[in-house]
């Protein structure tokens, strides 16, 4: 794949992920207590299910935010590989990663076979 096309694809993915991250309605969840983040719900005045629902939503938003931040870091590392001239080369076997895979997953570090092997190893 041409370097300019690769940069465009990586930039488009970065922009998409940053937009999604901006849509997550989490504000300072990592720094405030549960009761502070659920200010309109008193843990004594409300039904326990209300507090449970708010806790679930807070945990879900935190998980989504963490996932998006990780994917953005992957894109940044892909930009670094592009600068070094190693973008599109499988980190496990050293063979080229298929262009179709890179278009679908711009931050891919492994070819399909090595990615599958890594996933099998993690699930074992």
PDB file of N, CA and C in Angstrom:
ATOM      1  N   UNK A   1       0.850  -1.168   0.000  1.00  0.00           N
ATOM      2  CA  UNK A   1       0.000   0.000   0.000  1.00  0.00           C
ATOM      3  C   UNK A   1       0.902   1.240   0.000  1.00  0.00           C
ATOM      4  N   UNK A   2       0.499   2.250  -0.732  1.00  0.00           N
ATOM      5  CA  UNK A   2       1.266   3.484  -0.834  1.00  0.00           C
ATOM      6  C   UNK A   2       1.301   4.216   0.509  1.00  0.00           C
ATOM      7  N   UNK A   3       2.444   4.807   0.875  1.00  0.00           N
ATOM      8  CA  UNK A   3       2.556   5.514   2.162  1.00  0.00           C
ATOM      9  C   UNK A   3       1.512   6.625   2.342  1.00  0.00           C
ATOM     10  N   UNK A   4       1.226   7.363   1.279  1.00  0.00           N
ATOM     11  CA  UNK A   4       0.238   8.443   1.397  1.00  0.00           C
ATOM     12  C   UNK A   4      -1.151   7.885   1.681  1.00  0.00           C
ATOM     13  N   UNK A   5      -1.512   6.810   0.997  1.00  0.00           N
ATOM     14  CA  UNK A   5      -2.812   6.152   1.245  1.00  0.00           C
ATOM     15  C   UNK A   5      -2.857   5.606   2.664  1.00  0.00           C
ATOM     16  N   UNK A   6      -1.742   5.040   3.118  1.00  0.00           N
ATOM     17  CA  UNK A   6      -1.666   4.507   4.479  1.00  0.00           C
ATOM     18  C   UNK A   6      -1.880   5.621   5.499  1.00  0.00           C
ATOM     19  N   UNK A   7      -1.209   6.760   5.301  1.00  0.00           N
ATOM     20  CA  UNK A   7      -1.388   7.894   6.216  1.00  0.00           C
ATOM     21  C   UNK A   7      -2.844   8.351   6.240  1.00  0.00           C
ATOM     22  N   UNK A   8      -3.469   8.400   5.071  1.00  0.00           N
ATOM     23  CA  UNK A   8      -4.874   8.815   5.002  1.00  0.00           C
ATOM     24  C   UNK A   8      -5.777   7.853   5.775  1.00  0.00           C
ATOM     25  N   UNK A   9      -5.534   6.565   5.611  1.00  0.00           N
ATOM     26  CA  UNK A   9      -6.342   5.557   6.314  1.00  0.00           C
ATOM     27  C   UNK A   9      -6.130   5.656   7.822  1.00  0.00           C
ATOM     28  N   UNK A  10      -4.869   5.776   8.245  1.00  0.00           N
ATOM     29  CA  UNK A  10      -4.578   5.903   9.677  1.00  0.00           C
ATOM     30  C   UNK A  10      -5.185   7.181  10.248  1.00  0.00           C
ATOM     31  N   UNK A  11      -5.091   8.277   9.513  1.00  0.00           N
ATOM     32  CA  UNK A  11      -5.655   9.539   9.995  1.00  0.00           C
ATOM     33  C   UNK A  11      -7.172   9.456  10.091  1.00  0.00           C
ATOM     34  N   UNK A  12      -7.803   8.828   9.113  1.00  0.00           N
ATOM     35  CA  UNK A  12      -9.258   8.663   9.155  1.00  0.00           C
ATOM     36  C   UNK A  12      -9.674   7.831  10.361  1.00  0.00           C
ATOM     37  N   UNK A  13      -8.919   6.773  10.649  1.00  0.00           N
ATOM     38  CA  UNK A  13      -9.232   5.932  11.812  1.00  0.00           C
ATOM     39  C   UNK A  13      -8.998   6.711  13.111  1.00  0.00           C
ATOM     40  N   UNK A  14      -7.924   7.478  13.167  1.00  0.00           N
ATOM     41  CA  UNK A  14      -7.658   8.306  14.357  1.00  0.00           C
ATOM     42  C   UNK A  14      -8.805   9.285  14.583  1.00  0.00           C
ATOM     43  N   UNK A  15      -9.240   9.963  13.515  1.00  0.00           N
ATOM     44  CA  UNK A  15     -10.340  10.929  13.617  1.00  0.00           C
ATOM     45  C   UNK A  15     -11.622  10.249  14.084  1.00  0.00           C
ATOM     46  N   UNK A  16     -11.900   9.061  13.531  1.00  0.00           N
ATOM     47  CA  UNK A  16     -13.112   8.324  13.915  1.00  0.00           C
ATOM     48  C   UNK A  16     -13.087   7.949  15.397  1.00  0.00           C
ATOM     49  N   UNK A  17     -11.946   7.436  15.859  1.00  0.00           N
ATOM     50  CA  UNK A  17     -11.830   7.029  17.252  1.00  0.00           C
ATOM     51  C   UNK A  17     -11.898   8.223  18.199  1.00  0.00           C
ATOM     52  N   UNK A  18     -11.273   9.331  17.814  1.00  0.00           N
ATOM     53  CA  UNK A  18     -11.333  10.536  18.654  1.00  0.00           C
ATOM     54  C   UNK A  18     -12.761  11.069  18.748  1.00  0.00           C
ATOM     55  N   UNK A  19     -13.504  10.994  17.651  1.00  0.00           N
ATOM     56  CA  UNK A  19     -14.907  11.429  17.666  1.00  0.00           C
ATOM     57  C   UNK A  19     -15.727  10.535  18.590  1.00  0.00           C
ATOM     58  N   UNK A  20     -15.507   9.236  18.505  1.00  0.00           N
ATOM     59  CA  UNK A  20     -16.216   8.316  19.399  1.00  0.00           C
ATOM     60  C   UNK A  20     -15.858   8.580  20.857  1.00  0.00           C
ATOM     61  N   UNK A  21     -14.590   8.825  21.109  1.00  0.00           N
ATOM     62  CA  UNK A  21     -14.145   9.107  22.472  1.00  0.00           C
ATOM     63  C   UNK A  21     -14.817  10.375  22.992  1.00  0.00           C
ATOM     64  N   UNK A  22     -14.974  11.356  22.129  1.00  0.00           N
ATOM     65  CA  UNK A  22     -15.641  12.587  22.526  1.00  0.00           C
ATOM     66  C   UNK A  22     -17.115  12.392  22.823  1.00  0.00           C
ATOM     67  N   UNK A  23     -17.710  11.360  22.260  1.00  0.00           N
ATOM     68  CA  UNK A  23     -19.132  11.104  22.469  1.00  0.00           C
ATOM     69  C   UNK A  23     -19.404  10.363  23.778  1.00  0.00           C
ATOM     70  N   UNK A  24     -18.394   9.734  24.333  1.00  0.00           N
ATOM     71  CA  UNK A  24     -18.588   9.025  25.588  1.00  0.00           C
ATOM     72  C   UNK A  24     -18.831  10.069  26.671  1.00  0.00           C
ATOM     73  N   UNK A  25     -19.914   9.945  27.371  1.00  0.00           N
ATOM     74  CA  UNK A  25     -20.348  10.995  28.297  1.00  0.00           C
ATOM     75  C   UNK A  25     -19.747  10.862  29.689  1.00  0.00           C
ATOM     76  N   UNK A  26     -18.554  10.329  29.752  1.00  0.00           N
ATOM     77  CA  UNK A  26     -17.911  10.120  31.036  1.00  0.00           C
ATOM     78  C   UNK A  26     -17.131  11.367  31.427  1.00  0.00           C
ATOM     79  N   UNK A  27     -17.346  11.860  32.652  1.00  0.00           N
ATOM     80  CA  UNK A  27     -16.624  13.041  33.113  1.00  0.00           C
ATOM     81  C   UNK A  27     -15.933  12.723  34.423  1.00  0.00           C
ATOM     82  N   UNK A  28     -14.625  12.673  34.379  1.00  0.00           N
ATOM     83  CA  UNK A  28     -13.802  12.471  35.573  1.00  0.00           C
ATOM     84  C   UNK A  28     -14.181  11.234  36.374  1.00  0.00           C
ATOM     85  N   UNK A  29     -14.631  10.172  35.729  1.00  0.00           N
ATOM     86  CA  UNK A  29     -15.062   8.974  36.458  1.00  0.00           C
ATOM     87  C   UNK A  29     -13.912   8.341  37.220  1.00  0.00           C
ATOM     88  N   UNK A  30     -12.724   8.457  36.708  1.00  0.00           N
ATOM     89  CA  UNK A  30     -11.604   7.838  37.387  1.00  0.00           C
ATOM     90  C   UNK A  30     -11.160   8.573  38.624  1.00  0.00           C
ATOM     91  N   UNK A  31     -11.599   9.841  38.786  1.00  0.00           N
ATOM     92  CA  UNK A  31     -11.109  10.645  39.894  1.00  0.00           C
ATOM     93  C   UNK A  31     -12.143  10.896  40.975  1.00  0.00           C
ATOM     94  N   UNK A  32     -13.386  10.607  40.731  1.00  0.00           N
ATOM     95  CA  UNK A  32     -14.386  10.904  41.737  1.00  0.00           C
ATOM     96  C   UNK A  32     -15.005   9.631  42.286  1.00  0.00           C
ATOM     97  N   UNK A  33     -15.560   9.750  43.457  1.00  0.00           N
ATOM     98  CA  UNK A  33     -16.156   8.584  44.100  1.00  0.00           C
ATOM     99  C   UNK A  33     -17.464   8.221  43.403  1.00  0.00           C
ATOM    100  N   UNK A  34     -17.944   7.029  43.683  1.00  0.00           N
ATOM    101  CA  UNK A  34     -19.187   6.580  43.078  1.00  0.00           C
ATOM    102  C   UNK A  34     -20.331   7.492  43.496  1.00  0.00           C
ATOM    103  N   UNK A  35     -20.423   7.848  44.763  1.00  0.00           N
ATOM    104  CA  UNK A  35     -21.533   8.691  45.205  1.00  0.00           C
ATOM    105  C   UNK A  35     -21.450  10.083  44.609  1.00  0.00           C
ATOM    106  N   UNK A  36     -20.247  10.599  44.382  1.00  0.00           N
ATOM    107  CA  UNK A  36     -20.103  11.921  43.767  1.00  0.00           C
ATOM    108  C   UNK A  36     -20.498  11.877  42.297  1.00  0.00           C
ATOM    109  N   UNK A  37     -20.176  10.789  41.607  1.00  0.00           N
ATOM    110  CA  UNK A  37     -20.509  10.713  40.186  1.00  0.00           C
ATOM    111  C   UNK A  37     -21.986  10.460  39.963  1.00  0.00           C
ATOM    112  N   UNK A  38     -22.689  10.035  40.981  1.00  0.00           N
ATOM    113  CA  UNK A  38     -24.124   9.774  40.890  1.00  0.00           C
ATOM    114  C   UNK A  38     -24.818  10.752  41.835  1.00  0.00           C
ATOM    115  N   UNK A  39     -24.556  12.032  41.639  1.00  0.00           N
ATOM    116  CA  UNK A  39     -24.956  13.058  42.594  1.00  0.00           C
ATOM    117  C   UNK A  39     -26.461  13.161  42.801  1.00  0.00           C
ATOM    118  N   UNK A  40     -27.259  12.919  41.764  1.00  0.00           N
ATOM    119  CA  UNK A  40     -28.696  13.066  41.956  1.00  0.00           C
ATOM    120  C   UNK A  40     -29.324  11.866  42.650  1.00  0.00           C
ATOM    121  N   UNK A  41     -28.569  10.808  42.807  1.00  0.00           N
ATOM    122  CA  UNK A  41     -29.098   9.623  43.477  1.00  0.00           C
ATOM    123  C   UNK A  41     -28.438   9.459  44.838  1.00  0.00           C
ATOM    124  N   UNK A  42     -29.201   9.520  45.843  1.00  0.00           N
ATOM    125  CA  UNK A  42     -28.682   9.244  47.177  1.00  0.00           C
ATOM    126  C   UNK A  42     -28.748   7.749  47.383  1.00  0.00           C
ATOM    127  N   UNK A  43     -27.690   7.168  47.928  1.00  0.00           N
ATOM    128  CA  UNK A  43     -27.688   5.722  48.115  1.00  0.00           C
ATOM    129  C   UNK A  43     -28.690   5.295  49.183  1.00  0.00           C
ATOM    130  N   UNK A  44     -29.224   6.235  49.962  1.00  0.00           N
ATOM    131  CA  UNK A  44     -30.205   5.895  50.996  1.00  0.00           C
ATOM    132  C   UNK A  44     -31.641   6.154  50.559  1.00  0.00           C
ATOM    133  N   UNK A  45     -31.858   7.173  49.726  1.00  0.00           N
ATOM    134  CA  UNK A  45     -33.219   7.556  49.355  1.00  0.00           C
ATOM    135  C   UNK A  45     -33.773   6.800  48.158  1.00  0.00           C
ATOM    136  N   UNK A  46     -32.906   6.216  47.334  1.00  0.00           N
ATOM    137  CA  UNK A  46     -33.346   5.585  46.114  1.00  0.00           C
ATOM    138  C   UNK A  46     -33.350   4.066  46.248  1.00  0.00           C
ATOM    139  N   UNK A  47     -34.042   3.450  45.340  1.00  0.00           N
ATOM    140  CA  UNK A  47     -34.083   1.995  45.284  1.00  0.00           C
ATOM    141  C   UNK A  47     -32.691   1.484  44.919  1.00  0.00           C
ATOM    142  N   UNK A  48     -32.254   0.386  45.505  1.00  0.00           N
ATOM    143  CA  UNK A  48     -30.914  -0.144  45.195  1.00  0.00           C
ATOM    144  C   UNK A  48     -30.703  -0.427  43.709  1.00  0.00           C
ATOM    145  N   UNK A  49     -31.763  -0.738  42.990  1.00  0.00           N
ATOM    146  CA  UNK A  49     -31.623  -1.010  41.555  1.00  0.00           C
ATOM    147  C   UNK A  49     -31.199   0.250  40.800  1.00  0.00           C
ATOM    148  N   UNK A  50     -31.658   1.427  41.254  1.00  0.00           N
ATOM    149  CA  UNK A  50     -31.251   2.675  40.613  1.00  0.00           C
ATOM    150  C   UNK A  50     -29.744   2.866  40.735  1.00  0.00           C
ATOM    151  N   UNK A  51     -29.237   2.633  41.923  1.00  0.00           N
ATOM    152  CA  UNK A  51     -27.801   2.768  42.153  1.00  0.00           C
ATOM    153  C   UNK A  51     -27.034   1.720  41.349  1.00  0.00           C
ATOM    154  N   UNK A  52     -27.587   0.515  41.273  1.00  0.00           N
ATOM    155  CA  UNK A  52     -26.953  -0.537  40.483  1.00  0.00           C
ATOM    156  C   UNK A  52     -26.906  -0.195  39.010  1.00  0.00           C
ATOM    157  N   UNK A  53     -27.993   0.378  38.491  1.00  0.00           N
ATOM    158  CA  UNK A  53     -28.036   0.779  37.080  1.00  0.00           C
ATOM    159  C   UNK A  53     -27.008   1.866  36.794  1.00  0.00           C
ATOM    160  N   UNK A  54     -26.923   2.845  37.674  1.00  0.00           N
ATOM    161  CA  UNK A  54     -25.948   3.926  37.491  1.00  0.00           C
ATOM    162  C   UNK A  54     -24.524   3.392  37.573  1.00  0.00           C
ATOM    163  N   UNK A  55     -24.285   2.474  38.482  1.00  0.00           N
ATOM    164  CA  UNK A  55     -22.954   1.873  38.614  1.00  0.00           C
ATOM    165  C   UNK A  55     -22.602   1.095  37.364  1.00  0.00           C
ATOM    166  N   UNK A  56     -23.565   0.344  36.842  1.00  0.00           N
ATOM    167  CA  UNK A  56     -23.339  -0.412  35.607  1.00  0.00           C
ATOM    168  C   UNK A  56     -23.010   0.525  34.453  1.00  0.00           C
ATOM    169  N   UNK A  57     -23.799   1.592  34.287  1.00  0.00           N
ATOM    170  CA  UNK A  57     -23.576   2.545  33.197  1.00  0.00           C
ATOM    171  C   UNK A  57     -22.198   3.201  33.326  1.00  0.00           C
ATOM    172  N   UNK A  58     -21.822   3.543  34.533  1.00  0.00           N
ATOM    173  CA  UNK A  58     -20.520   4.164  34.767  1.00  0.00           C
ATOM    174  C   UNK A  58     -19.398   3.201  34.389  1.00  0.00           C
ATOM    175  N   UNK A  59     -19.525   1.945  34.786  1.00  0.00           N
ATOM    176  CA  UNK A  59     -18.511   0.939  34.451  1.00  0.00           C
ATOM    177  C   UNK A  59     -18.460   0.695  32.947  1.00  0.00           C
ATOM    178  N   UNK A  60     -19.615   0.679  32.298  1.00  0.00           N
ATOM    179  CA  UNK A  60     -19.671   0.481  30.850  1.00  0.00           C
ATOM    180  C   UNK A  60     -18.974   1.632  30.125  1.00  0.00           C
ATOM    181  N   UNK A  61     -19.265   2.862  30.529  1.00  0.00           N
ATOM    182  CA  UNK A  61     -18.630   4.023  29.896  1.00  0.00           C
ATOM    183  C   UNK A  61     -17.119   4.009  30.111  1.00  0.00           C
ATOM    184  N   UNK A  62     -16.692   3.633  31.293  1.00  0.00           N
ATOM    185  CA  UNK A  62     -15.263   3.560  31.587  1.00  0.00           C
ATOM    186  C   UNK A  62     -14.593   2.502  30.710  1.00  0.00           C
ATOM    187  N   UNK A  63     -15.252   1.375  30.520  1.00  0.00           N
ATOM    188  CA  UNK A  63     -14.728   0.306  29.675  1.00  0.00           C
ATOM    189  C   UNK A  63     -14.624   0.753  28.217  1.00  0.00           C
ATOM    190  N   UNK A  64     -15.658   1.412  27.724  1.00  0.00           N
ATOM    191  CA  UNK A  64     -15.642   1.910  26.349  1.00  0.00           C
ATOM    192  C   UNK A  64     -14.524   2.923  26.174  1.00  0.00           C
ATOM    193  N   UNK A  65     -14.396   3.831  27.113  1.00  0.00           N
ATOM    194  CA  UNK A  65     -13.354   4.864  27.050  1.00  0.00           C
ATOM    195  C   UNK A  65     -11.963   4.227  27.051  1.00  0.00           C
ATOM    196  N   UNK A  66     -11.746   3.257  27.907  1.00  0.00           N
ATOM    197  CA  UNK A  66     -10.451   2.573  27.984  1.00  0.00           C
ATOM    198  C   UNK A  66     -10.136   1.859  26.677  1.00  0.00           C
ATOM    199  N   UNK A  67     -11.131   1.200  26.106  1.00  0.00           N
ATOM    200  CA  UNK A  67     -10.955   0.506  24.827  1.00  0.00           C
ATOM    201  C   UNK A  67     -10.588   1.486  23.715  1.00  0.00           C
ATOM    202  N   UNK A  68     -11.303   2.605  23.634  1.00  0.00           N
ATOM    203  CA  UNK A  68     -11.024   3.596  22.594  1.00  0.00           C
ATOM    204  C   UNK A  68      -9.630   4.198  22.754  1.00  0.00           C
ATOM    205  N   UNK A  69      -9.235   4.463  23.990  1.00  0.00           N
ATOM    206  CA  UNK A  69      -7.900   5.012  24.228  1.00  0.00           C
ATOM    207  C   UNK A  69      -6.822   4.018  23.810  1.00  0.00           C
ATOM    208  N   UNK A  70      -7.047   2.747  24.069  1.00  0.00           N
ATOM    209  CA  UNK A  70      -6.098   1.718  23.639  1.00  0.00           C
ATOM    210  C   UNK A  70      -5.999   1.634  22.132  1.00  0.00           C
ATOM    211  N   UNK A  71      -7.135   1.732  21.456  1.00  0.00           N
ATOM    212  CA  UNK A  71      -7.127   1.679  19.992  1.00  0.00           C
ATOM    213  C   UNK A  71      -6.431   2.911  19.407  1.00  0.00           C
ATOM    214  N   UNK A  72      -6.589   4.067  20.060  1.00  0.00           N
ATOM    215  CA  UNK A  72      -5.871   5.267  19.613  1.00  0.00           C
ATOM    216  C   UNK A  72      -4.364   5.100  19.789  1.00  0.00           C
ATOM    217  N   UNK A  73      -3.942   4.483  20.882  1.00  0.00           N
ATOM    218  CA  UNK A  73      -2.507   4.208  21.071  1.00  0.00           C
ATOM    219  C   UNK A  73      -1.999   3.268  19.984  1.00  0.00           C
ATOM    220  N   UNK A  74      -2.820   2.285  19.597  1.00  0.00           N
ATOM    221  CA  UNK A  74      -2.437   1.379  18.505  1.00  0.00           C
ATOM    222  C   UNK A  74      -2.237   2.149  17.202  1.00  0.00           C
ATOM    223  N   UNK A  75      -3.094   3.117  16.934  1.00  0.00           N
ATOM    224  CA  UNK A  75      -2.963   3.932  15.723  1.00  0.00           C
ATOM    225  C   UNK A  75      -1.682   4.759  15.789  1.00  0.00           C
ATOM    226  N   UNK A  76      -1.382   5.325  16.948  1.00  0.00           N
ATOM    227  CA  UNK A  76      -0.147   6.110  17.095  1.00  0.00           C
ATOM    228  C   UNK A  76       1.083   5.230  16.852  1.00  0.00           C
ATOM    229  N   UNK A  77       1.043   3.996  17.360  1.00  0.00           N
ATOM    230  CA  UNK A  77       2.165   3.071  17.125  1.00  0.00           C
ATOM    231  C   UNK A  77       2.256   2.702  15.640  1.00  0.00           C
ATOM    232  N   UNK A  78       1.114   2.625  14.959  1.00  0.00           N
ATOM    233  CA  UNK A  78       1.129   2.348  13.517  1.00  0.00           C
ATOM    234  C   UNK A  78       1.776   3.505  12.761  1.00  0.00           C
ATOM    235  N   UNK A  79       1.492   4.738  13.180  1.00  0.00           N
ATOM    236  CA  UNK A  79       2.157   5.899  12.567  1.00  0.00           C
ATOM    237  C   UNK A  79       3.671   5.807  12.767  1.00  0.00           C
ATOM    238  N   UNK A  80       4.104   5.366  13.949  1.00  0.00           N
ATOM    239  CA  UNK A  80       5.539   5.214  14.219  1.00  0.00           C
ATOM    240  C   UNK A  80       6.156   4.142  13.316  1.00  0.00           C
ATOM    241  N   UNK A  81       5.443   3.029  13.138  1.00  0.00           N
ATOM    242  CA  UNK A  81       5.936   1.972  12.241  1.00  0.00           C
ATOM    243  C   UNK A  81       6.040   2.492  10.814  1.00  0.00           C
ATOM    244  N   UNK A  82       5.094   3.313  10.414  1.00  0.00           N
ATOM    245  CA  UNK A  82       5.121   3.903   9.077  1.00  0.00           C
ATOM    246  C   UNK A  82       6.375   4.771   8.911  1.00  0.00           C
ATOM    247  N   UNK A  83       6.679   5.571   9.925  1.00  0.00           N
ATOM    248  CA  UNK A  83       7.887   6.421   9.886  1.00  0.00           C
ATOM    249  C   UNK A  83       9.160   5.582   9.812  1.00  0.00           C
ATOM    250  N   UNK A  84       9.185   4.465  10.548  1.00  0.00           N
ATOM    251  CA  UNK A  84      10.370   3.599  10.572  1.00  0.00           C
ATOM    252  C   UNK A  84      10.478   2.713   9.341  1.00  0.00           C
ATOM    253  N   UNK A  85       9.411   2.629   8.581  1.00  0.00           N
ATOM    254  CA  UNK A  85       9.423   1.774   7.399  1.00  0.00           C
ATOM    255  C   UNK A  85       9.061   0.331   7.688  1.00  0.00           C
ATOM    256  N   UNK A  86       8.480   0.068   8.856  1.00  0.00           N
ATOM    257  CA  UNK A  86       8.105  -1.303   9.211  1.00  0.00           C
ATOM    258  C   UNK A  86       6.592  -1.526   9.186  1.00  0.00           C
ATOM    259  N   UNK A  87       5.830  -0.505   8.779  1.00  0.00           N
ATOM    260  CA  UNK A  87       4.384  -0.655   8.710  1.00  0.00           C
ATOM    261  C   UNK A  87       4.039  -1.692   7.645  1.00  0.00           C
ATOM    262  N   UNK A  88       3.093  -2.561   7.968  1.00  0.00           N
ATOM    263  CA  UNK A  88       2.651  -3.574   7.015  1.00  0.00           C
ATOM    264  C   UNK A  88       3.484  -4.833   7.018  1.00  0.00           C
ATOM    265  N   UNK A  89       4.425  -4.933   7.952  1.00  0.00           N
ATOM    266  CA  UNK A  89       5.261  -6.127   8.101  1.00  0.00           C
ATOM    267  C   UNK A  89       4.854  -6.813   9.408  1.00  0.00           C
ATOM    268  N   UNK A  90       4.539  -8.090   9.318  1.00  0.00           N
ATOM    269  CA  UNK A  90       4.121  -8.861  10.489  1.00  0.00           C
ATOM    270  C   UNK A  90       5.251  -8.885  11.510  1.00  0.00           C
ATOM    271  N   UNK A  91       4.933  -8.546  12.749  1.00  0.00           N
ATOM    272  CA  UNK A  91       5.935  -8.521  13.807  1.00  0.00           C
ATOM    273  C   UNK A  91       6.351  -9.925  14.255  1.00  0.00           C
ATOM    274  N   UNK A  92       5.579 -10.924  13.890  1.00  0.00           N
ATOM    275  CA  UNK A  92       5.908 -12.291  14.296  1.00  0.00           C
ATOM    276  C   UNK A  92       6.740 -13.020  13.240  1.00  0.00           C
ATOM    277  N   UNK A  93       6.316 -12.956  11.991  1.00  0.00           N
ATOM    278  CA  UNK A  93       6.992 -13.751  10.956  1.00  0.00           C
ATOM    279  C   UNK A  93       7.808 -12.908   9.973  1.00  0.00           C
ATOM    280  N   UNK A  94       7.597 -11.595   9.962  1.00  0.00           N
ATOM    281  CA  UNK A  94       8.361 -10.729   9.081  1.00  0.00           C
ATOM    282  C   UNK A  94       7.850 -10.656   7.652  1.00  0.00           C
ATOM    283  N   UNK A  95       6.746 -11.329   7.365  1.00  0.00           N
ATOM    284  CA  UNK A  95       6.173 -11.275   6.013  1.00  0.00           C
ATOM    285  C   UNK A  95       5.211 -10.089   5.911  1.00  0.00           C
ATOM    286  N   UNK A  96       4.933  -9.646   4.685  1.00  0.00           N
ATOM    287  CA  UNK A  96       3.993  -8.528   4.511  1.00  0.00           C
ATOM    288  C   UNK A  96       2.579  -8.908   4.967  1.00  0.00           C
ATOM    289  N   UNK A  97       1.909  -7.942   5.554  1.00  0.00           N
ATOM    290  CA  UNK A  97       0.497  -8.095   5.933  1.00  0.00           C
ATOM    291  C   UNK A  97      -0.320  -7.690   4.709  1.00  0.00           C
ATOM    292  N   UNK A  98      -1.338  -8.450   4.390  1.00  0.00           N
ATOM    293  CA  UNK A  98      -2.168  -8.188   3.205  1.00  0.00           C
ATOM    294  C   UNK A  98      -2.796  -6.793   3.272  1.00  0.00           C
ATOM    295  N   UNK A  99      -2.812  -6.114   2.124  1.00  0.00           N
ATOM    296  CA  UNK A  99      -3.395  -4.777   2.054  1.00  0.00           C
ATOM    297  C   UNK A  99      -4.852  -4.768   2.521  1.00  0.00           C
ATOM    298  N   UNK A 100      -5.603  -5.796   2.174  1.00  0.00           N
ATOM    299  CA  UNK A 100      -7.013  -5.860   2.588  1.00  0.00           C
ATOM    300  C   UNK A 100      -7.128  -5.859   4.110  1.00  0.00           C
ATOM    301  N   UNK A 101      -6.226  -6.579   4.773  1.00  0.00           N
ATOM    302  CA  UNK A 101      -6.239  -6.597   6.246  1.00  0.00           C
ATOM    303  C   UNK A 101      -5.898  -5.220   6.796  1.00  0.00           C
ATOM    304  N   UNK A 102      -4.906  -4.563   6.207  1.00  0.00           N
ATOM    305  CA  UNK A 102      -4.497  -3.243   6.686  1.00  0.00           C
ATOM    306  C   UNK A 102      -5.585  -2.194   6.454  1.00  0.00           C
ATOM    307  N   UNK A 103      -6.345  -2.345   5.387  1.00  0.00           N
ATOM    308  CA  UNK A 103      -7.451  -1.413   5.166  1.00  0.00           C
ATOM    309  C   UNK A 103      -8.561  -1.646   6.180  1.00  0.00           C
ATOM    310  N   UNK A 104      -8.806  -2.903   6.517  1.00  0.00           N
ATOM    311  CA  UNK A 104      -9.848  -3.227   7.491  1.00  0.00           C
ATOM    312  C   UNK A 104      -9.395  -2.916   8.914  1.00  0.00           C
ATOM    313  N   UNK A 105      -8.123  -3.165   9.200  1.00  0.00           N
ATOM    314  CA  UNK A 105      -7.554  -2.940  10.539  1.00  0.00           C
ATOM    315  C   UNK A 105      -6.230  -2.194  10.373  1.00  0.00           C
ATOM    316  N   UNK A 106      -6.286  -0.874  10.244  1.00  0.00           N
ATOM    317  CA  UNK A 106      -5.085  -0.102   9.923  1.00  0.00           C
ATOM    318  C   UNK A 106      -3.936  -0.257  10.922  1.00  0.00           C
ATOM    319  N   UNK A 107      -4.222  -0.595  12.158  1.00  0.00           N
ATOM    320  CA  UNK A 107      -3.170  -0.719  13.166  1.00  0.00           C
ATOM    321  C   UNK A 107      -2.676  -2.151  13.324  1.00  0.00           C
ATOM    322  N   UNK A 108      -3.053  -3.044  12.412  1.00  0.00           N
ATOM    323  CA  UNK A 108      -2.672  -4.460  12.529  1.00  0.00           C
ATOM    324  C   UNK A 108      -1.161  -4.610  12.624  1.00  0.00           C
ATOM    325  N   UNK A 109      -0.737  -5.439  13.572  1.00  0.00           N
ATOM    326  CA  UNK A 109       0.693  -5.708  13.774  1.00  0.00           C
ATOM    327  C   UNK A 109       1.090  -7.078  13.256  1.00  0.00           C
ATOM    328  N   UNK A 110       0.091  -7.937  13.039  1.00  0.00           N
ATOM    329  CA  UNK A 110       0.352  -9.315  12.653  1.00  0.00           C
ATOM    330  C   UNK A 110      -0.449  -9.690  11.412  1.00  0.00           C
ATOM    331  N   UNK A 111       0.083 -10.643  10.644  1.00  0.00           N
ATOM    332  CA  UNK A 111      -0.685 -11.210   9.538  1.00  0.00           C
ATOM    333  C   UNK A 111      -1.830 -12.029  10.127  1.00  0.00           C
ATOM    334  N   UNK A 112      -2.753 -12.441   9.288  1.00  0.00           N
ATOM    335  CA  UNK A 112      -3.934 -13.169   9.758  1.00  0.00           C
ATOM    336  C   UNK A 112      -3.539 -14.447  10.508  1.00  0.00           C
ATOM    337  N   UNK A 113      -2.601 -15.209   9.958  1.00  0.00           N
ATOM    338  CA  UNK A 113      -2.207 -16.478  10.584  1.00  0.00           C
ATOM    339  C   UNK A 113      -1.599 -16.254  11.960  1.00  0.00           C
ATOM    340  N   UNK A 114      -0.703 -15.278  12.077  1.00  0.00           N
ATOM    341  CA  UNK A 114      -0.066 -15.034  13.372  1.00  0.00           C
ATOM    342  C   UNK A 114      -1.021 -14.387  14.371  1.00  0.00           C
ATOM    343  N   UNK A 115      -1.973 -13.577  13.891  1.00  0.00           N
ATOM    344  CA  UNK A 115      -2.982 -13.013  14.780  1.00  0.00           C
ATOM    345  C   UNK A 115      -3.857 -14.129  15.351  1.00  0.00           C
ATOM    346  N   UNK A 116      -4.257 -15.061  14.497  1.00  0.00           N
ATOM    347  CA  UNK A 116      -5.070 -16.192  14.962  1.00  0.00           C
ATOM    348  C   UNK A 116      -4.307 -17.021  15.974  1.00  0.00           C
ATOM    349  N   UNK A 117      -3.023 -17.251  15.735  1.00  0.00           N
ATOM    350  CA  UNK A 117      -2.199 -18.032  16.663  1.00  0.00           C
ATOM    351  C   UNK A 117      -2.102 -17.315  18.002  1.00  0.00           C
ATOM    352  N   UNK A 118      -1.916 -15.999  17.972  1.00  0.00           N
ATOM    353  CA  UNK A 118      -1.829 -15.220  19.217  1.00  0.00           C
ATOM    354  C   UNK A 118      -3.139 -15.275  19.995  1.00  0.00           C
ATOM    355  N   UNK A 119      -4.261 -15.190  19.289  1.00  0.00           N
ATOM    356  CA  UNK A 119      -5.558 -15.256  19.955  1.00  0.00           C
ATOM    357  C   UNK A 119      -5.821 -16.629  20.547  1.00  0.00           C
ATOM    358  N   UNK A 120      -5.407 -17.687  19.841  1.00  0.00           N
ATOM    359  CA  UNK A 120      -5.570 -19.044  20.381  1.00  0.00           C
ATOM    360  C   UNK A 120      -4.720 -19.193  21.652  1.00  0.00           C
ATOM    361  N   UNK A 121      -3.527 -18.657  21.642  1.00  0.00           N
ATOM    362  CA  UNK A 121      -2.635 -18.729  22.788  1.00  0.00           C
ATOM    363  C   UNK A 121      -3.228 -17.991  23.997  1.00  0.00           C
ATOM    364  N   UNK A 122      -3.855 -16.847  23.758  1.00  0.00           N
ATOM    365  CA  UNK A 122      -4.453 -16.086  24.837  1.00  0.00           C
ATOM    366  C   UNK A 122      -5.669 -16.795  25.434  1.00  0.00           C
ATOM    367  N   UNK A 123      -6.427 -17.485  24.592  1.00  0.00           N
ATOM    368  CA  UNK A 123      -7.634 -18.142  25.088  1.00  0.00           C
ATOM    369  C   UNK A 123      -7.343 -19.504  25.727  1.00  0.00           C
ATOM    370  N   UNK A 124      -6.154 -19.999  25.562  1.00  0.00           N
ATOM    371  CA  UNK A 124      -5.817 -21.318  26.131  1.00  0.00           C
ATOM    372  C   UNK A 124      -5.498 -21.235  27.605  1.00  0.00           C
TER     373      UNK A 124
END
